[in-house]
Amino acid sequence: MKALSIKQLWAHSILHLGKDIENRDWSTNFRGTVAIHASKGITKQQYEESAYMIYEIANYQANLPSFHNVKLGAILGTVEIVDCVTHSDSDWFFGKYGFVLKNPRPLIQPIFCKGALGFWEVPKEIEEKIVKELG
């Protein structure tokens, strides 16, 4: 299973707030299920900037974890990448490329592990935990 590391609060937004585009500076031909990994670090300023943008996009209806409760350095769920676009009507699109996302499936408990840049392979023992929980 492939994974994609994403900064918080964007990973949370994919799995819980209907964020249907992941913005990137690079294109992909990958289609299929990918594990969403929350990057390990976030500063208070990054948290506040992300929260502000998310609240604006979600018309201040977003339920976000507090800075001290945000999950970091863990796989939080899966989502399907169904397309890669350069234009979109989605409020979440503001990148050069947008990975179009469908069917988010959050995990009940995060699975802590190291991430990486770009797409990376989930270790087999972690993939087994994901599959066991999500079926």
N, C-alpha and C. Protein backbone atom coordinates (compact mmCIF):
# COMPACT_ATOMS: atom_id res chain seq x y z
N MET A 1 0.85 -1.17 0.00
CA MET A 1 0.00 0.00 0.00
C MET A 1 0.90 1.23 0.00
N LYS A 2 0.53 2.19 -0.82
CA LYS A 2 1.25 3.45 -0.85
C LYS A 2 0.69 4.39 0.21
N ALA A 3 1.53 5.33 0.63
CA ALA A 3 1.13 6.35 1.59
C ALA A 3 1.60 7.70 1.09
N LEU A 4 0.96 8.73 1.61
CA LEU A 4 1.32 10.10 1.29
C LEU A 4 1.33 10.88 2.60
N SER A 5 2.47 11.49 2.92
CA SER A 5 2.56 12.31 4.13
C SER A 5 2.02 13.71 3.82
N ILE A 6 1.16 14.18 4.72
CA ILE A 6 0.48 15.46 4.54
C ILE A 6 0.54 16.22 5.85
N LYS A 7 0.83 17.50 5.77
CA LYS A 7 0.88 18.32 6.98
C LYS A 7 -0.51 18.41 7.60
N GLN A 8 -0.53 18.51 8.90
CA GLN A 8 -1.77 18.81 9.60
C GLN A 8 -2.02 20.31 9.50
N LEU A 9 -3.17 20.74 9.46
CA LEU A 9 -4.47 20.15 9.67
C LEU A 9 -5.10 19.65 8.36
N TRP A 10 -4.29 19.59 7.31
CA TRP A 10 -4.80 19.18 6.00
C TRP A 10 -5.14 17.69 5.98
N ALA A 11 -4.33 16.86 6.63
CA ALA A 11 -4.64 15.43 6.69
C ALA A 11 -5.97 15.21 7.41
N HIS A 12 -6.18 15.92 8.50
CA HIS A 12 -7.45 15.85 9.23
C HIS A 12 -8.61 16.27 8.33
N SER A 13 -8.40 17.31 7.55
CA SER A 13 -9.46 17.82 6.68
C SER A 13 -9.85 16.83 5.59
N ILE A 14 -8.89 16.06 5.10
CA ILE A 14 -9.20 15.03 4.10
C ILE A 14 -10.11 13.97 4.71
N LEU A 15 -9.78 13.53 5.90
CA LEU A 15 -10.49 12.40 6.50
C LEU A 15 -11.77 12.78 7.22
N HIS A 16 -11.91 14.05 7.62
CA HIS A 16 -13.07 14.42 8.44
C HIS A 16 -13.88 15.61 7.94
N LEU A 17 -13.35 16.39 7.01
CA LEU A 17 -14.05 17.62 6.61
C LEU A 17 -14.39 17.70 5.13
N GLY A 18 -14.18 16.61 4.42
CA GLY A 18 -14.56 16.61 3.00
C GLY A 18 -13.57 17.28 2.07
N LYS A 19 -12.32 17.45 2.51
CA LYS A 19 -11.30 18.01 1.61
C LYS A 19 -11.12 17.02 0.47
N ASP A 20 -11.51 17.43 -0.73
CA ASP A 20 -11.56 16.51 -1.87
C ASP A 20 -10.42 16.71 -2.87
N ILE A 21 -9.47 17.56 -2.52
CA ILE A 21 -8.30 17.81 -3.37
C ILE A 21 -7.06 17.90 -2.47
N GLU A 22 -6.00 17.22 -2.87
CA GLU A 22 -4.71 17.40 -2.21
C GLU A 22 -3.81 18.16 -3.18
N ASN A 23 -3.42 19.37 -2.80
CA ASN A 23 -2.64 20.24 -3.66
C ASN A 23 -1.16 19.87 -3.62
N ARG A 24 -0.56 19.81 -4.79
CA ARG A 24 0.86 19.48 -4.91
C ARG A 24 1.48 20.31 -6.03
N ASP A 25 2.80 20.39 -6.01
CA ASP A 25 3.55 21.04 -7.08
C ASP A 25 3.93 20.06 -8.17
N TRP A 26 3.55 18.81 -8.00
CA TRP A 26 3.90 17.77 -8.95
C TRP A 26 2.68 16.93 -9.30
N SER A 27 2.72 16.36 -10.49
CA SER A 27 1.63 15.54 -11.01
C SER A 27 1.84 14.08 -10.62
N THR A 28 0.77 13.29 -10.73
CA THR A 28 0.88 11.85 -10.52
C THR A 28 -0.05 11.11 -11.47
N ASN A 29 0.38 9.92 -11.85
CA ASN A 29 -0.47 9.00 -12.61
C ASN A 29 -1.06 7.95 -11.69
N PHE A 30 -0.68 7.98 -10.40
CA PHE A 30 -1.17 6.99 -9.44
C PHE A 30 -2.68 7.14 -9.26
N ARG A 31 -3.39 6.02 -9.29
CA ARG A 31 -4.81 5.97 -8.99
C ARG A 31 -5.02 4.80 -8.04
N GLY A 32 -5.82 5.02 -7.02
CA GLY A 32 -6.10 3.94 -6.09
C GLY A 32 -6.05 4.41 -4.65
N THR A 33 -6.12 3.44 -3.75
CA THR A 33 -6.15 3.74 -2.32
C THR A 33 -4.75 4.09 -1.83
N VAL A 34 -4.69 5.13 -1.01
CA VAL A 34 -3.44 5.58 -0.42
C VAL A 34 -3.69 5.85 1.07
N ALA A 35 -2.71 5.48 1.89
CA ALA A 35 -2.80 5.79 3.32
C ALA A 35 -2.44 7.25 3.52
N ILE A 36 -3.19 7.93 4.38
CA ILE A 36 -2.93 9.33 4.71
C ILE A 36 -2.12 9.36 6.00
N HIS A 37 -0.91 9.88 5.87
CA HIS A 37 0.03 9.98 6.98
C HIS A 37 0.15 11.45 7.38
N ALA A 38 -0.07 11.76 8.64
CA ALA A 38 0.12 13.12 9.13
C ALA A 38 1.61 13.33 9.41
N SER A 39 2.18 14.33 8.78
CA SER A 39 3.59 14.65 8.98
C SER A 39 3.89 14.84 10.46
N LYS A 40 5.15 14.68 10.79
CA LYS A 40 5.56 14.68 12.19
C LYS A 40 5.53 16.04 12.86
N GLY A 41 5.82 17.09 12.14
CA GLY A 41 5.95 18.39 12.79
C GLY A 41 4.94 19.43 12.37
N ILE A 42 4.64 20.33 13.31
CA ILE A 42 3.82 21.49 13.02
C ILE A 42 4.11 22.54 14.10
N THR A 43 4.30 23.75 13.66
CA THR A 43 4.50 24.84 14.62
C THR A 43 3.14 25.44 14.96
N LYS A 44 3.11 26.19 16.03
CA LYS A 44 1.87 26.87 16.42
C LYS A 44 1.41 27.80 15.29
N GLN A 45 2.36 28.50 14.66
CA GLN A 45 2.02 29.40 13.57
C GLN A 45 1.44 28.63 12.37
N GLN A 46 2.04 27.50 12.01
CA GLN A 46 1.52 26.69 10.91
C GLN A 46 0.11 26.18 11.24
N TYR A 47 -0.08 25.75 12.48
CA TYR A 47 -1.40 25.29 12.91
C TYR A 47 -2.42 26.41 12.74
N GLU A 48 -2.11 27.59 13.23
CA GLU A 48 -3.05 28.72 13.17
C GLU A 48 -3.34 29.15 11.73
N GLU A 49 -2.31 29.18 10.88
CA GLU A 49 -2.52 29.54 9.47
C GLU A 49 -3.40 28.51 8.77
N SER A 50 -3.12 27.23 9.01
CA SER A 50 -3.95 26.18 8.41
C SER A 50 -5.38 26.25 8.92
N ALA A 51 -5.54 26.40 10.22
CA ALA A 51 -6.89 26.48 10.80
C ALA A 51 -7.66 27.64 10.21
N TYR A 52 -7.03 28.79 10.06
CA TYR A 52 -7.70 29.96 9.48
C TYR A 52 -8.19 29.65 8.07
N MET A 53 -7.32 29.06 7.23
CA MET A 53 -7.72 28.75 5.86
C MET A 53 -8.85 27.72 5.84
N ILE A 54 -8.76 26.71 6.69
CA ILE A 54 -9.78 25.67 6.72
C ILE A 54 -11.11 26.23 7.19
N TYR A 55 -11.09 27.07 8.22
CA TYR A 55 -12.33 27.70 8.68
C TYR A 55 -12.96 28.53 7.57
N GLU A 56 -12.16 29.24 6.81
CA GLU A 56 -12.71 30.04 5.70
C GLU A 56 -13.32 29.15 4.63
N ILE A 57 -12.62 28.09 4.24
CA ILE A 57 -13.13 27.18 3.21
C ILE A 57 -14.40 26.50 3.68
N ALA A 58 -14.44 26.10 4.94
CA ALA A 58 -15.59 25.36 5.48
C ALA A 58 -16.64 26.30 6.09
N ASN A 59 -16.55 27.59 5.80
CA ASN A 59 -17.50 28.57 6.32
C ASN A 59 -17.61 28.51 7.84
N TYR A 60 -16.47 28.33 8.49
CA TYR A 60 -16.36 28.32 9.94
C TYR A 60 -17.19 27.21 10.59
N GLN A 61 -17.44 26.14 9.82
CA GLN A 61 -18.19 24.99 10.34
C GLN A 61 -17.27 23.82 10.68
N ALA A 62 -15.96 24.02 10.57
CA ALA A 62 -15.01 22.93 10.78
C ALA A 62 -14.82 22.64 12.27
N ASN A 63 -14.77 21.36 12.59
CA ASN A 63 -14.46 20.92 13.94
C ASN A 63 -13.02 20.41 13.92
N LEU A 64 -12.09 21.24 14.41
CA LEU A 64 -10.67 20.91 14.35
C LEU A 64 -10.14 20.53 15.73
N PRO A 65 -9.18 19.61 15.76
CA PRO A 65 -8.54 19.30 17.05
C PRO A 65 -7.72 20.51 17.50
N SER A 66 -7.54 20.64 18.79
CA SER A 66 -6.70 21.73 19.31
C SER A 66 -5.25 21.48 18.93
N PHE A 67 -4.45 22.50 19.02
CA PHE A 67 -3.02 22.39 18.70
C PHE A 67 -2.37 21.25 19.49
N HIS A 68 -2.71 21.12 20.75
CA HIS A 68 -2.09 20.10 21.61
C HIS A 68 -2.66 18.70 21.38
N ASN A 69 -3.77 18.58 20.67
CA ASN A 69 -4.39 17.27 20.43
C ASN A 69 -4.30 16.80 18.99
N VAL A 70 -3.65 17.58 18.12
CA VAL A 70 -3.55 17.18 16.73
C VAL A 70 -2.62 15.97 16.62
N LYS A 71 -3.02 14.99 15.82
CA LYS A 71 -2.24 13.76 15.65
C LYS A 71 -1.14 14.00 14.63
N LEU A 72 0.10 13.64 15.00
CA LEU A 72 1.27 13.84 14.15
C LEU A 72 2.08 12.56 14.06
N GLY A 73 2.78 12.40 12.92
CA GLY A 73 3.67 11.25 12.76
C GLY A 73 2.94 9.92 12.75
N ALA A 74 1.76 9.90 12.11
CA ALA A 74 0.95 8.68 12.14
C ALA A 74 0.07 8.56 10.90
N ILE A 75 -0.25 7.34 10.56
CA ILE A 75 -1.26 7.08 9.53
C ILE A 75 -2.61 7.24 10.20
N LEU A 76 -3.45 8.07 9.57
CA LEU A 76 -4.75 8.40 10.15
C LEU A 76 -5.92 7.77 9.41
N GLY A 77 -5.68 7.22 8.22
CA GLY A 77 -6.76 6.63 7.44
C GLY A 77 -6.34 6.43 6.01
N THR A 78 -7.32 6.18 5.15
CA THR A 78 -7.05 6.01 3.73
C THR A 78 -8.03 6.85 2.91
N VAL A 79 -7.65 7.06 1.66
CA VAL A 79 -8.50 7.77 0.71
C VAL A 79 -8.14 7.25 -0.68
N GLU A 80 -9.05 7.40 -1.62
CA GLU A 80 -8.77 6.99 -3.00
C GLU A 80 -8.38 8.22 -3.81
N ILE A 81 -7.30 8.10 -4.57
CA ILE A 81 -6.94 9.12 -5.55
C ILE A 81 -7.55 8.66 -6.87
N VAL A 82 -8.45 9.49 -7.43
CA VAL A 82 -9.16 9.11 -8.64
C VAL A 82 -8.76 9.92 -9.87
N ASP A 83 -8.00 11.01 -9.66
CA ASP A 83 -7.58 11.85 -10.78
C ASP A 83 -6.50 12.81 -10.31
N CYS A 84 -5.85 13.44 -11.25
CA CYS A 84 -4.91 14.53 -10.98
C CYS A 84 -5.24 15.63 -11.97
N VAL A 85 -5.55 16.82 -11.46
CA VAL A 85 -6.05 17.91 -12.31
C VAL A 85 -5.20 19.17 -12.14
N THR A 86 -5.35 20.07 -13.12
CA THR A 86 -4.70 21.38 -13.03
C THR A 86 -5.73 22.48 -12.82
N HIS A 87 -7.01 22.14 -12.91
CA HIS A 87 -8.11 23.08 -12.64
C HIS A 87 -9.21 22.31 -11.91
N SER A 88 -9.89 22.99 -10.99
CA SER A 88 -11.00 22.37 -10.27
C SER A 88 -11.90 23.46 -9.70
N ASP A 89 -13.18 23.16 -9.61
CA ASP A 89 -14.13 24.07 -8.96
C ASP A 89 -14.16 23.87 -7.45
N SER A 90 -13.44 22.90 -6.93
CA SER A 90 -13.42 22.64 -5.49
C SER A 90 -12.84 23.83 -4.74
N ASP A 91 -13.46 24.19 -3.64
CA ASP A 91 -12.93 25.25 -2.78
C ASP A 91 -11.57 24.88 -2.20
N TRP A 92 -11.25 23.61 -2.20
CA TRP A 92 -9.99 23.13 -1.63
C TRP A 92 -8.84 23.21 -2.62
N PHE A 93 -9.11 23.52 -3.88
CA PHE A 93 -8.05 23.55 -4.89
C PHE A 93 -7.37 24.91 -4.94
N PHE A 94 -6.07 24.90 -4.70
CA PHE A 94 -5.28 26.13 -4.85
C PHE A 94 -3.83 25.80 -5.16
N GLY A 95 -3.62 24.71 -5.84
CA GLY A 95 -2.26 24.30 -6.16
C GLY A 95 -2.02 24.28 -7.64
N LYS A 96 -0.81 23.91 -7.98
CA LYS A 96 -0.47 23.71 -9.38
C LYS A 96 -1.18 22.45 -9.90
N TYR A 97 -1.14 21.40 -9.06
CA TYR A 97 -1.83 20.15 -9.37
C TYR A 97 -2.71 19.77 -8.19
N GLY A 98 -3.81 19.11 -8.47
CA GLY A 98 -4.69 18.65 -7.42
C GLY A 98 -4.99 17.17 -7.59
N PHE A 99 -4.68 16.39 -6.55
CA PHE A 99 -5.04 14.98 -6.55
C PHE A 99 -6.50 14.93 -6.10
N VAL A 100 -7.37 14.42 -6.94
CA VAL A 100 -8.80 14.35 -6.63
C VAL A 100 -9.03 13.14 -5.73
N LEU A 101 -9.67 13.40 -4.58
CA LEU A 101 -9.84 12.40 -3.53
C LEU A 101 -11.29 11.98 -3.37
N LYS A 102 -11.51 10.70 -3.11
CA LYS A 102 -12.84 10.14 -2.85
C LYS A 102 -12.73 9.11 -1.73
N ASN A 103 -13.84 8.85 -1.09
CA ASN A 103 -13.99 7.77 -0.12
C ASN A 103 -12.98 7.80 1.03
N PRO A 104 -12.93 8.89 1.79
CA PRO A 104 -12.04 8.91 2.95
C PRO A 104 -12.50 7.91 4.01
N ARG A 105 -11.54 7.23 4.62
CA ARG A 105 -11.84 6.23 5.65
C ARG A 105 -10.89 6.43 6.83
N PRO A 106 -11.31 7.19 7.83
CA PRO A 106 -10.44 7.42 8.99
C PRO A 106 -10.28 6.16 9.84
N LEU A 107 -9.11 6.01 10.42
CA LEU A 107 -8.87 4.95 11.40
C LEU A 107 -9.40 5.40 12.76
N ILE A 108 -9.80 4.47 13.59
CA ILE A 108 -10.24 4.81 14.94
C ILE A 108 -9.05 5.28 15.77
N GLN A 109 -7.92 4.59 15.64
CA GLN A 109 -6.69 4.96 16.35
C GLN A 109 -5.58 5.19 15.33
N PRO A 110 -4.80 6.25 15.50
CA PRO A 110 -3.67 6.47 14.59
C PRO A 110 -2.63 5.36 14.73
N ILE A 111 -1.92 5.11 13.64
CA ILE A 111 -0.84 4.14 13.64
C ILE A 111 0.46 4.93 13.43
N PHE A 112 1.24 5.05 14.48
CA PHE A 112 2.43 5.89 14.44
C PHE A 112 3.54 5.22 13.65
N CYS A 113 4.16 6.01 12.75
CA CYS A 113 5.27 5.54 11.94
C CYS A 113 5.93 6.74 11.27
N LYS A 114 7.11 6.49 10.73
CA LYS A 114 7.81 7.54 9.99
C LYS A 114 7.18 7.70 8.62
N GLY A 115 7.18 8.94 8.14
CA GLY A 115 6.72 9.22 6.80
C GLY A 115 7.89 9.47 5.86
N ALA A 116 7.58 9.97 4.68
CA ALA A 116 8.60 10.27 3.68
C ALA A 116 8.03 11.24 2.67
N LEU A 117 8.88 11.78 1.84
CA LEU A 117 8.42 12.67 0.78
C LEU A 117 7.84 11.85 -0.37
N GLY A 118 6.89 12.43 -1.09
CA GLY A 118 6.29 11.73 -2.22
C GLY A 118 5.48 10.53 -1.76
N PHE A 119 5.16 9.66 -2.69
CA PHE A 119 4.50 8.40 -2.33
C PHE A 119 5.55 7.46 -1.76
N TRP A 120 5.18 6.73 -0.73
CA TRP A 120 6.09 5.76 -0.13
C TRP A 120 5.31 4.51 0.26
N GLU A 121 6.04 3.41 0.40
CA GLU A 121 5.40 2.13 0.72
C GLU A 121 5.22 1.99 2.23
N VAL A 122 4.01 1.65 2.63
CA VAL A 122 3.70 1.39 4.04
C VAL A 122 4.34 0.04 4.41
N PRO A 123 5.06 -0.03 5.53
CA PRO A 123 5.60 -1.33 5.96
C PRO A 123 4.48 -2.37 6.09
N LYS A 124 4.79 -3.61 5.74
CA LYS A 124 3.78 -4.69 5.71
C LYS A 124 3.01 -4.82 7.01
N GLU A 125 3.70 -4.75 8.17
CA GLU A 125 3.00 -4.93 9.45
C GLU A 125 2.00 -3.79 9.70
N ILE A 126 2.30 -2.59 9.21
CA ILE A 126 1.37 -1.47 9.37
C ILE A 126 0.22 -1.59 8.39
N GLU A 127 0.53 -2.02 7.16
CA GLU A 127 -0.53 -2.25 6.18
C GLU A 127 -1.52 -3.29 6.70
N GLU A 128 -1.02 -4.32 7.34
CA GLU A 128 -1.90 -5.35 7.89
C GLU A 128 -2.85 -4.77 8.95
N LYS A 129 -2.33 -3.86 9.79
CA LYS A 129 -3.17 -3.21 10.80
C LYS A 129 -4.25 -2.36 10.14
N ILE A 130 -3.89 -1.64 9.09
CA ILE A 130 -4.86 -0.79 8.38
C ILE A 130 -5.96 -1.64 7.78
N VAL A 131 -5.56 -2.70 7.08
CA VAL A 131 -6.52 -3.59 6.42
C VAL A 131 -7.42 -4.25 7.44
N LYS A 132 -6.86 -4.67 8.57
CA LYS A 132 -7.65 -5.32 9.61
C LYS A 132 -8.72 -4.39 10.14
N GLU A 133 -8.35 -3.13 10.39
CA GLU A 133 -9.35 -2.19 10.93
C GLU A 133 -10.39 -1.76 9.91
N LEU A 134 -9.96 -1.50 8.67
CA LEU A 134 -10.89 -0.97 7.67
C LEU A 134 -11.56 -2.06 6.85
N GLY A 135 -11.06 -3.29 6.97
CA GLY A 135 -11.67 -4.39 6.24
C GLY A 135 -11.21 -4.41 4.86
